[in-house]
Amino acid sequence: MSSYPNSRIITLSAACVMLGLDQLTKQWALAAFAALGTTIQLSGPIDLTLVLNRSNAFGLIPVHGEFSRWALAALSLVVTVILVGLVLRKSTSTLNALGLALISAGALGNALDRLRLGAVIDLFDATKLGFVWVFNVADVSIDLGVSLILVASLLPLSRPQKVEHEKD
C-alpha cells in the first residue's frame, strides 16, 4: 500500500493526464474539422462529429445566453475546487480520491472550454450504438470518476463482516 502523499500525487497526476488529453483532443478537433457538424466516419462504433454544446450534460439545462455560459463555468470551477480539496483529505480512500480527481479534471476541462469559447467542444459520436449525445474526454473522465466512487462504496459491502453474538 502506498503512503498518503505518494498516492495523492499519483491521483492528481492521473487527473492532469486526463485534463491534458481532453484539451489536446478538443484543440485537434477545432483544427481538423472544416466546420461545426462535420462528421468523420470511422469503421468502429464511434464516429467523430464536431459539436459546440452550450448547455450541460444531456442538455438538461435550458440555454440562457451568456448567463448559462458563465453560470455553468462558475459551477464547474467551484465543483473542481471542492473535489480537489476532498482528494487531498487523508480520510479519503485512494480509490475515492482517484474518482474525485477524475471528476474534477472533467469539470475543469469543460469549464475551460466555456471560458475560452463560450461552449463545450464535443466530438465523440456514438449514434451507431444508439447513444444520441456527442461527448468528449472530459465527459469520459467524469463518468470514470463516478464509477470509481461507486466501486469504492461497494467494496466494504463485499468484505466479510465480523458479527458479534450475544452470550446468554
Protein backbone atom coordinates (compact mmCIF):
# COMPACT_ATOMS: atom_id res chain seq x y z
CA MET A 1 0.00 0.00 0.00
CA SER A 2 1.42 3.38 -0.94
CA SER A 3 1.76 6.22 1.51
CA TYR A 4 -0.77 9.05 1.60
CA PRO A 5 1.33 11.76 -0.15
CA ASN A 6 2.50 9.41 -2.92
CA SER A 7 -1.00 8.11 -3.63
CA ARG A 8 -2.33 11.68 -3.83
CA ILE A 9 0.46 12.70 -6.21
CA ILE A 10 -0.36 9.73 -8.46
CA THR A 11 -4.08 10.51 -8.21
CA LEU A 12 -3.64 14.17 -9.12
CA SER A 13 -1.19 13.21 -11.89
CA ALA A 14 -3.82 10.90 -13.41
CA ALA A 15 -6.31 13.76 -13.32
CA CYS A 16 -3.80 16.08 -15.01
CA VAL A 17 -3.22 13.49 -17.75
CA MET A 18 -6.98 13.27 -18.37
CA LEU A 19 -7.28 17.07 -18.41
CA GLY A 20 -4.37 17.32 -20.86
CA LEU A 21 -5.82 14.59 -23.10
CA ASP A 22 -9.18 16.36 -23.03
CA GLN A 23 -7.73 19.70 -24.06
CA LEU A 24 -5.48 18.17 -26.73
CA THR A 25 -8.33 16.25 -28.38
CA LYS A 26 -10.51 19.36 -28.37
CA GLN A 27 -7.77 21.50 -29.92
CA TRP A 28 -7.18 18.81 -32.54
CA ALA A 29 -10.91 18.73 -33.33
CA LEU A 30 -11.06 22.50 -33.77
CA ALA A 31 -8.08 22.39 -36.14
CA ALA A 32 -9.04 19.22 -38.05
CA PHE A 33 -12.74 19.74 -38.78
CA ALA A 34 -13.83 22.02 -41.59
CA ALA A 35 -16.98 23.23 -39.83
CA LEU A 36 -19.34 22.56 -36.94
CA GLY A 37 -21.43 19.46 -37.54
CA THR A 38 -18.77 17.87 -39.75
CA THR A 39 -18.53 14.10 -39.21
CA ILE A 40 -15.59 11.82 -39.85
CA GLN A 41 -16.90 8.29 -40.34
CA LEU A 42 -14.80 5.66 -38.58
CA SER A 43 -15.01 1.90 -39.02
CA GLY A 44 -15.76 1.20 -35.34
CA PRO A 45 -18.77 2.03 -33.19
CA ILE A 46 -17.77 5.69 -32.72
CA ASP A 47 -17.53 8.45 -35.31
CA LEU A 48 -16.11 11.94 -34.81
CA THR A 49 -18.50 14.89 -35.07
CA LEU A 50 -17.61 18.45 -34.08
CA VAL A 51 -20.30 19.98 -31.85
CA LEU A 52 -20.32 23.03 -29.59
CA ASN A 53 -22.51 22.34 -26.57
CA ARG A 54 -23.82 25.48 -24.88
CA SER A 55 -25.90 23.54 -22.35
CA ASN A 56 -24.83 20.98 -19.77
CA ALA A 57 -24.74 17.17 -19.87
CA PHE A 58 -27.64 15.76 -21.88
CA GLY A 59 -28.93 19.30 -22.47
CA LEU A 60 -30.83 19.27 -19.18
CA ILE A 61 -30.49 22.99 -18.51
CA PRO A 62 -32.05 25.42 -20.99
CA VAL A 63 -29.58 27.83 -22.55
CA HIS A 64 -29.98 31.46 -21.50
CA GLY A 65 -27.18 33.05 -23.49
CA GLU A 66 -24.15 34.38 -21.65
CA PHE A 67 -25.78 33.75 -18.28
CA SER A 68 -25.71 29.99 -18.93
CA ARG A 69 -22.11 30.15 -20.08
CA TRP A 70 -20.83 31.96 -17.00
CA ALA A 71 -23.07 30.17 -14.51
CA LEU A 72 -22.06 26.72 -15.77
CA ALA A 73 -18.38 27.72 -15.90
CA ALA A 74 -18.54 29.09 -12.33
CA LEU A 75 -20.34 25.97 -11.09
CA SER A 76 -17.72 23.73 -12.71
CA LEU A 77 -14.88 25.73 -11.16
CA VAL A 78 -16.47 25.61 -7.70
CA VAL A 79 -17.01 21.84 -8.02
CA THR A 80 -13.38 21.42 -9.12
CA VAL A 81 -12.05 23.30 -6.08
CA ILE A 82 -14.27 21.38 -3.66
CA LEU A 83 -13.38 17.99 -5.17
CA VAL A 84 -9.64 18.68 -5.20
CA GLY A 85 -9.96 19.64 -1.53
CA LEU A 86 -11.62 16.28 -0.86
CA VAL A 87 -8.90 14.47 -2.82
CA LEU A 88 -6.26 15.96 -0.52
CA ARG A 89 -8.02 14.83 2.66
CA LYS A 90 -6.24 11.97 4.39
CA SER A 91 -9.54 10.31 5.34
CA THR A 92 -10.48 9.76 1.69
CA SER A 93 -9.55 6.33 0.30
CA THR A 94 -7.22 6.23 -2.70
CA LEU A 95 -9.97 4.84 -4.96
CA ASN A 96 -12.39 7.58 -3.87
CA ALA A 97 -9.66 10.18 -4.29
CA LEU A 98 -8.97 8.99 -7.83
CA GLY A 99 -12.68 9.14 -8.64
CA LEU A 100 -12.98 12.65 -7.24
CA ALA A 101 -9.84 13.76 -9.09
CA LEU A 102 -11.16 12.43 -12.41
CA ILE A 103 -14.49 14.18 -11.90
CA SER A 104 -12.66 17.42 -11.10
CA ALA A 105 -10.49 17.04 -14.24
CA GLY A 106 -13.61 16.63 -16.37
CA ALA A 107 -15.36 19.57 -14.74
CA LEU A 108 -12.27 21.75 -15.23
CA GLY A 109 -11.85 20.66 -18.86
CA ASN A 110 -15.40 21.64 -19.72
CA ALA A 111 -15.13 24.88 -17.70
CA LEU A 112 -12.03 25.88 -19.67
CA ASP A 113 -13.99 25.41 -22.90
CA ARG A 114 -16.81 27.62 -21.64
CA LEU A 115 -14.38 30.32 -20.55
CA ARG A 116 -12.41 30.27 -23.83
CA LEU A 117 -15.14 29.58 -26.38
CA GLY A 118 -18.49 30.03 -24.66
CA ALA A 119 -19.37 26.36 -25.21
CA VAL A 120 -18.02 22.87 -24.61
CA ILE A 121 -16.35 21.11 -27.54
CA ASP A 122 -17.79 17.62 -28.06
CA LEU A 123 -16.51 15.21 -30.69
CA PHE A 124 -17.17 11.53 -29.93
CA ASP A 125 -20.35 10.43 -31.65
CA ALA A 126 -21.74 7.02 -30.64
CA THR A 127 -25.03 7.16 -32.55
CA LYS A 128 -24.14 3.80 -34.15
CA LEU A 129 -24.61 2.36 -30.67
CA GLY A 130 -27.90 4.19 -30.13
CA PHE A 131 -26.34 6.88 -27.90
CA VAL A 132 -27.73 10.17 -29.19
CA TRP A 133 -25.33 12.58 -27.47
CA VAL A 134 -21.89 13.64 -28.63
CA PHE A 135 -19.31 13.72 -25.83
CA ASN A 136 -15.64 14.42 -25.06
CA VAL A 137 -12.74 13.15 -22.93
CA ALA A 138 -13.85 15.36 -20.00
CA ASP A 139 -17.23 13.62 -20.02
CA VAL A 140 -15.49 10.22 -20.04
CA SER A 141 -13.31 11.37 -17.12
CA ILE A 142 -16.41 12.34 -15.12
CA ASP A 143 -18.09 9.00 -15.87
CA LEU A 144 -14.95 7.07 -14.88
CA GLY A 145 -14.71 9.08 -11.67
CA VAL A 146 -18.33 8.38 -10.73
CA SER A 147 -17.80 4.68 -11.50
CA LEU A 148 -14.72 4.51 -9.27
CA ILE A 149 -16.58 6.16 -6.40
CA LEU A 150 -19.44 3.66 -6.80
CA VAL A 151 -16.97 0.75 -6.79
CA ALA A 152 -15.24 2.17 -3.71
CA SER A 153 -18.58 2.48 -1.93
CA LEU A 154 -19.46 -1.15 -2.74
CA LEU A 155 -16.09 -2.62 -1.72
CA PRO A 156 -16.79 -2.52 2.03
CA LEU A 157 -20.01 -4.46 1.38
CA SER A 158 -18.11 -7.28 -0.32
CA ARG A 159 -15.72 -7.84 2.61
CA PRO A 160 -16.67 -10.37 5.27
CA GLN A 161 -18.21 -8.62 8.23
CA LYS A 162 -17.46 -9.64 11.79
CA VAL A 163 -20.71 -10.48 13.54
CA GLU A 164 -20.97 -10.15 17.30
CA HIS A 165 -23.24 -12.67 19.02
CA GLU A 166 -24.77 -12.07 22.39
CA LYS A 167 -23.88 -14.59 25.05
CA ASP A 168 -26.73 -15.79 27.20
